[in-house]
Amino acid sequence: MVADTLAEQAGAALAAGAGREKEPPHADR
């Protein structure tokens, strides 16, 4: 279902955001 896909994307986004916070600011470049 679409809801499942949105939930997976939201979870992935949260996980990526949490991992990004642990990394130094210049890691994205």
Protein backbone atom coordinates (compact mmCIF):
# COMPACT_ATOMS: atom_id res chain seq x y z
CA MET A 1 0.00 0.00 0.00
CA VAL A 2 1.01 3.64 -0.44
CA ALA A 3 0.89 4.15 3.32
CA ASP A 4 3.48 1.41 3.80
CA THR A 5 5.80 3.04 1.27
CA LEU A 6 5.43 6.45 2.91
CA ALA A 7 6.12 4.91 6.31
CA GLU A 8 9.27 3.24 5.00
CA GLN A 9 10.48 6.47 3.43
CA ALA A 10 9.78 8.39 6.65
CA GLY A 11 11.67 5.80 8.71
CA ALA A 12 14.61 5.90 6.30
CA ALA A 13 14.63 9.70 6.42
CA LEU A 14 14.66 9.67 10.23
CA ALA A 15 17.45 7.10 10.29
CA ALA A 16 19.48 9.13 7.78
CA GLY A 17 18.91 12.31 9.78
CA ALA A 18 20.05 10.64 13.00
CA GLY A 19 23.18 9.30 11.31
CA ARG A 20 23.91 12.66 9.75
CA GLU A 21 23.78 14.40 13.13
CA LYS A 22 26.51 12.10 14.44
CA GLU A 23 28.80 12.93 11.52
CA PRO A 24 30.86 16.13 11.27
CA PRO A 25 29.25 19.02 9.34
CA HIS A 26 31.72 18.67 6.47
CA ALA A 27 30.90 14.98 5.89
CA ASP A 28 28.23 15.84 3.31
CA ARG A 29 30.73 17.58 1.02
